[in-house]
Amino acid sequence: MAFVGTDAHAEYGMQMQDLKTNVKLLNGVTPPQLQEANAYFQRMQAELAKSGHEISYLCVATR
């Protein structure tokens, strides 16, 4: 799973909808899609732990 912010230099990077979404990310409220991604990750991590495996991940948060 990956969440990637807007690349302003990409072909469609400066669309108004993307910019509005970026501003919403700054207000401290976790967007529903990130909440769902986290819930999915937790479920998969628990499922894999039953078989002695784990998920490797890197989390980088910027503000």
N, C-alpha and C. Protein backbone atom coordinates (compact mmCIF):
# COMPACT_ATOMS: atom_id res chain seq x y z
N MET A 1 0.85 -1.17 0.00
CA MET A 1 0.00 0.00 0.00
C MET A 1 0.90 1.23 0.00
N ALA A 2 0.50 2.20 -0.74
CA ALA A 2 1.28 3.43 -0.78
C ALA A 2 0.35 4.62 -0.92
N PHE A 3 0.67 5.66 -0.23
CA PHE A 3 -0.05 6.91 -0.38
C PHE A 3 0.97 7.92 -0.88
N VAL A 4 0.70 8.49 -2.01
CA VAL A 4 1.63 9.43 -2.62
C VAL A 4 0.94 10.76 -2.78
N GLY A 5 1.59 11.80 -2.34
CA GLY A 5 1.03 13.14 -2.49
C GLY A 5 1.10 13.62 -3.93
N THR A 6 0.63 14.80 -4.15
CA THR A 6 0.61 15.37 -5.49
C THR A 6 2.00 15.79 -5.94
N ASP A 7 2.35 15.40 -7.14
CA ASP A 7 3.58 15.84 -7.77
C ASP A 7 3.20 17.01 -8.67
N ALA A 8 3.47 18.21 -8.22
CA ALA A 8 3.05 19.41 -8.94
C ALA A 8 3.66 19.49 -10.33
N HIS A 9 4.75 18.78 -10.56
CA HIS A 9 5.43 18.84 -11.86
C HIS A 9 4.97 17.74 -12.81
N ALA A 10 4.10 16.86 -12.34
CA ALA A 10 3.59 15.79 -13.20
C ALA A 10 2.57 16.35 -14.18
N GLU A 11 2.22 15.54 -15.16
CA GLU A 11 1.31 15.99 -16.22
C GLU A 11 0.00 16.54 -15.67
N TYR A 12 -0.57 15.89 -14.65
CA TYR A 12 -1.84 16.32 -14.08
C TYR A 12 -1.67 16.79 -12.64
N GLY A 13 -0.50 17.22 -12.27
CA GLY A 13 -0.18 17.53 -10.88
C GLY A 13 -0.80 18.78 -10.30
N MET A 14 -1.24 19.68 -11.10
CA MET A 14 -1.75 20.94 -10.56
C MET A 14 -3.27 21.05 -10.69
N GLN A 15 -3.96 19.93 -10.65
CA GLN A 15 -5.41 19.97 -10.73
C GLN A 15 -5.99 20.43 -9.39
N MET A 16 -7.05 21.19 -9.45
CA MET A 16 -7.65 21.78 -8.25
C MET A 16 -8.05 20.72 -7.23
N GLN A 17 -8.62 19.60 -7.68
CA GLN A 17 -9.05 18.56 -6.75
C GLN A 17 -7.87 18.02 -5.93
N ASP A 18 -6.73 17.83 -6.58
CA ASP A 18 -5.54 17.36 -5.87
C ASP A 18 -5.07 18.38 -4.84
N LEU A 19 -5.10 19.63 -5.22
CA LEU A 19 -4.65 20.68 -4.31
C LEU A 19 -5.59 20.79 -3.10
N LYS A 20 -6.88 20.63 -3.32
CA LYS A 20 -7.84 20.65 -2.21
C LYS A 20 -7.58 19.48 -1.26
N THR A 21 -7.30 18.32 -1.83
CA THR A 21 -7.00 17.14 -1.00
C THR A 21 -5.75 17.38 -0.19
N ASN A 22 -4.73 17.95 -0.78
CA ASN A 22 -3.49 18.22 -0.05
C ASN A 22 -3.73 19.15 1.13
N VAL A 23 -4.56 20.15 0.95
CA VAL A 23 -4.87 21.08 2.04
C VAL A 23 -5.60 20.34 3.16
N LYS A 24 -6.51 19.44 2.80
CA LYS A 24 -7.24 18.68 3.81
C LYS A 24 -6.31 17.83 4.66
N LEU A 25 -5.21 17.35 4.07
CA LEU A 25 -4.26 16.53 4.82
C LEU A 25 -3.56 17.31 5.92
N LEU A 26 -3.55 18.61 5.81
CA LEU A 26 -2.85 19.45 6.79
C LEU A 26 -3.70 19.77 8.02
N ASN A 27 -4.99 19.43 8.02
CA ASN A 27 -5.86 19.86 9.11
C ASN A 27 -5.85 18.92 10.31
N GLY A 28 -5.05 17.84 10.27
CA GLY A 28 -4.94 16.95 11.41
C GLY A 28 -5.96 15.83 11.46
N VAL A 29 -6.96 15.86 10.58
CA VAL A 29 -7.97 14.81 10.52
C VAL A 29 -7.48 13.75 9.53
N THR A 30 -7.44 12.50 9.95
CA THR A 30 -6.98 11.43 9.07
C THR A 30 -8.05 11.11 8.03
N PRO A 31 -7.70 11.20 6.74
CA PRO A 31 -8.66 10.90 5.68
C PRO A 31 -9.15 9.44 5.77
N PRO A 32 -10.41 9.20 5.42
CA PRO A 32 -10.97 7.84 5.50
C PRO A 32 -10.14 6.79 4.76
N GLN A 33 -9.58 7.15 3.59
CA GLN A 33 -8.82 6.15 2.84
C GLN A 33 -7.55 5.74 3.59
N LEU A 34 -6.97 6.64 4.37
CA LEU A 34 -5.80 6.27 5.16
C LEU A 34 -6.20 5.46 6.39
N GLN A 35 -7.36 5.77 6.95
CA GLN A 35 -7.86 4.96 8.07
C GLN A 35 -8.12 3.53 7.61
N GLU A 36 -8.73 3.38 6.44
CA GLU A 36 -9.01 2.05 5.89
C GLU A 36 -7.72 1.32 5.54
N ALA A 37 -6.75 2.02 4.99
CA ALA A 37 -5.47 1.40 4.67
C ALA A 37 -4.79 0.89 5.94
N ASN A 38 -4.84 1.67 7.00
CA ASN A 38 -4.25 1.25 8.27
C ASN A 38 -4.98 0.04 8.84
N ALA A 39 -6.30 0.04 8.77
CA ALA A 39 -7.08 -1.10 9.27
C ALA A 39 -6.74 -2.36 8.48
N TYR A 40 -6.62 -2.24 7.17
CA TYR A 40 -6.25 -3.37 6.33
C TYR A 40 -4.86 -3.89 6.70
N PHE A 41 -3.93 -2.98 6.87
CA PHE A 41 -2.58 -3.36 7.25
C PHE A 41 -2.58 -4.13 8.57
N GLN A 42 -3.33 -3.63 9.55
CA GLN A 42 -3.39 -4.30 10.85
C GLN A 42 -3.98 -5.71 10.72
N ARG A 43 -5.03 -5.85 9.90
CA ARG A 43 -5.63 -7.17 9.68
C ARG A 43 -4.65 -8.14 9.03
N MET A 44 -3.96 -7.66 8.01
CA MET A 44 -3.00 -8.52 7.30
C MET A 44 -1.82 -8.88 8.20
N GLN A 45 -1.38 -7.93 8.99
CA GLN A 45 -0.27 -8.19 9.92
C GLN A 45 -0.68 -9.27 10.93
N ALA A 46 -1.89 -9.20 11.45
CA ALA A 46 -2.38 -10.19 12.40
C ALA A 46 -2.51 -11.55 11.73
N GLU A 47 -3.00 -11.58 10.49
CA GLU A 47 -3.17 -12.83 9.76
C GLU A 47 -1.81 -13.49 9.50
N LEU A 48 -0.85 -12.71 9.08
CA LEU A 48 0.48 -13.25 8.80
C LEU A 48 1.18 -13.71 10.08
N ALA A 49 0.93 -13.02 11.18
CA ALA A 49 1.56 -13.38 12.45
C ALA A 49 1.16 -14.79 12.88
N LYS A 50 -0.03 -15.21 12.51
CA LYS A 50 -0.51 -16.56 12.86
C LYS A 50 0.39 -17.64 12.25
N SER A 51 1.01 -17.33 11.11
CA SER A 51 1.87 -18.29 10.44
C SER A 51 3.36 -18.00 10.67
N GLY A 52 3.64 -17.11 11.62
CA GLY A 52 5.02 -16.80 11.96
C GLY A 52 5.69 -15.80 11.04
N HIS A 53 4.91 -15.09 10.25
CA HIS A 53 5.46 -14.10 9.33
C HIS A 53 5.09 -12.70 9.80
N GLU A 54 5.72 -11.72 9.20
CA GLU A 54 5.37 -10.33 9.51
C GLU A 54 5.51 -9.48 8.27
N ILE A 55 4.91 -8.33 8.32
CA ILE A 55 4.99 -7.38 7.20
C ILE A 55 6.14 -6.43 7.49
N SER A 56 6.99 -6.24 6.52
CA SER A 56 8.05 -5.24 6.63
C SER A 56 7.52 -3.94 6.03
N TYR A 57 7.79 -2.85 6.68
CA TYR A 57 7.27 -1.59 6.17
C TYR A 57 8.14 -0.42 6.61
N LEU A 58 7.97 0.65 5.91
CA LEU A 58 8.62 1.91 6.21
C LEU A 58 7.53 2.97 6.19
N CYS A 59 7.45 3.72 7.23
CA CYS A 59 6.44 4.77 7.31
C CYS A 59 7.13 6.11 7.46
N VAL A 60 6.82 7.00 6.57
CA VAL A 60 7.40 8.33 6.62
C VAL A 60 6.26 9.32 6.65
N ALA A 61 6.23 10.15 7.67
CA ALA A 61 5.20 11.18 7.76
C ALA A 61 5.88 12.54 7.70
N THR A 62 5.35 13.40 6.89
CA THR A 62 5.90 14.74 6.79
C THR A 62 4.78 15.74 7.01
N ARG A 63 5.09 16.81 7.62
CA ARG A 63 4.11 17.88 7.85
C ARG A 63 4.81 19.19 7.72
